[in-house]
Protein backbone atom coordinates (compact mmCIF):
# COMPACT_ATOMS: atom_id res chain seq x y z
CA MET A 1 64.76 95.89 250.44
CA LYS A 2 67.42 96.41 247.75
CA TYR A 3 66.45 98.48 244.72
CA LYS A 4 67.56 97.72 241.28
CA MET A 5 69.14 101.36 240.10
CA SER A 6 70.89 100.73 237.06
CA ASN A 7 70.51 97.46 234.28
CA LYS A 8 73.72 95.08 233.30
CA LYS A 9 75.72 98.18 231.64
CA GLY A 10 75.17 99.80 234.55
CA GLN A 11 73.13 102.71 232.82
CA VAL A 12 70.24 104.28 235.40
CA VAL A 13 66.28 102.61 234.40
CA MET A 14 63.85 104.92 235.10
CA ASN A 15 61.42 103.09 233.28
CA GLU A 16 61.78 99.56 234.49
CA VAL A 17 58.51 98.46 237.42
CA PHE A 18 59.09 96.35 240.35
CA LYS A 19 57.41 94.40 242.85
CA GLU A 20 57.31 94.88 246.45
CA GLU A 21 56.72 92.55 249.48
CA ASP A 22 53.12 93.16 249.56
CA ASP A 23 52.49 91.91 245.68
CA LYS A 24 51.59 95.57 244.82
CA TRP A 25 53.94 97.05 241.59
CA TYR A 26 55.51 100.70 241.63
CA PHE A 27 58.08 102.59 239.65
CA TRP A 28 60.47 105.53 240.80
CA ASN A 29 60.25 109.01 239.06
CA GLU A 30 62.46 110.04 237.15
CA VAL A 31 65.43 111.36 240.06
CA TRP A 32 64.17 108.29 242.89
CA SER A 33 62.41 110.59 245.02
CA ASP A 34 58.96 109.48 244.43
CA LYS A 35 57.69 105.89 244.51
CA HIS A 36 54.22 105.76 242.49
CA GLY A 37 51.54 102.86 243.20
CA PRO A 38 50.58 100.60 244.10
CA TYR A 39 49.45 99.08 240.97
CA LYS A 40 47.98 95.72 240.63
CA SER A 41 49.98 94.32 237.82
CA LYS A 42 52.96 94.75 235.88
CA PHE A 43 51.31 96.11 233.03
CA GLU A 44 49.18 98.25 234.83
CA ALA A 45 52.62 99.80 236.56
CA THR A 46 54.48 99.79 233.06
CA SER A 47 51.56 101.40 231.40
CA GLU A 48 51.41 104.15 234.15
CA CYS A 49 55.22 104.52 233.76
CA SER A 50 55.09 104.87 230.50
CA LYS A 51 52.20 107.83 230.56
CA TYR A 52 54.40 109.50 233.27
CA PHE A 53 57.49 109.73 231.20
CA TRP A 54 55.66 110.71 227.99
CA GLY A 55 54.08 113.94 230.02
CA LEU A 56 57.43 114.69 231.25
CA LEU A 57 59.15 114.74 227.70
CA LYS A 58 56.35 116.78 226.44
CA GLU A 59 56.69 119.16 229.39
CA ALA A 60 60.27 119.30 229.15
CA TYR A 61 61.12 118.94 225.41
CA PRO A 62 57.79 119.79 223.46
CA GLN A 63 59.12 119.58 220.39
CA VAL A 64 61.34 116.43 220.38
CA TYR A 65 57.57 115.07 221.79
CA ASN A 66 55.68 116.17 218.63
CA VAL A 67 58.63 114.90 215.90
CA LEU A 68 57.85 111.47 218.09
CA GLN A 69 54.32 111.64 218.09
CA GLU A 70 54.44 112.40 214.27
CA ARG A 71 56.74 109.50 213.81
CA GLY A 72 54.44 106.89 215.35
CA VAL A 73 56.34 106.46 218.53
CA LYS A 74 54.34 105.51 221.77
């Protein structure tokens, strides 16, 4: 199976979820080494991917995370 590693502009897309042959949904971590899932729906996979992203941002760049939270970015 081929996995989409970039968007139409050739930029790496971390937050994209994908569906496998088992009809379950997954997403890759930030360095494409670990597949997270399975999830029952695209909505669930996207939600978990978002939580994963915000957790990384909070840990690596707490000041940026705090500013975004203060501005209501979710």
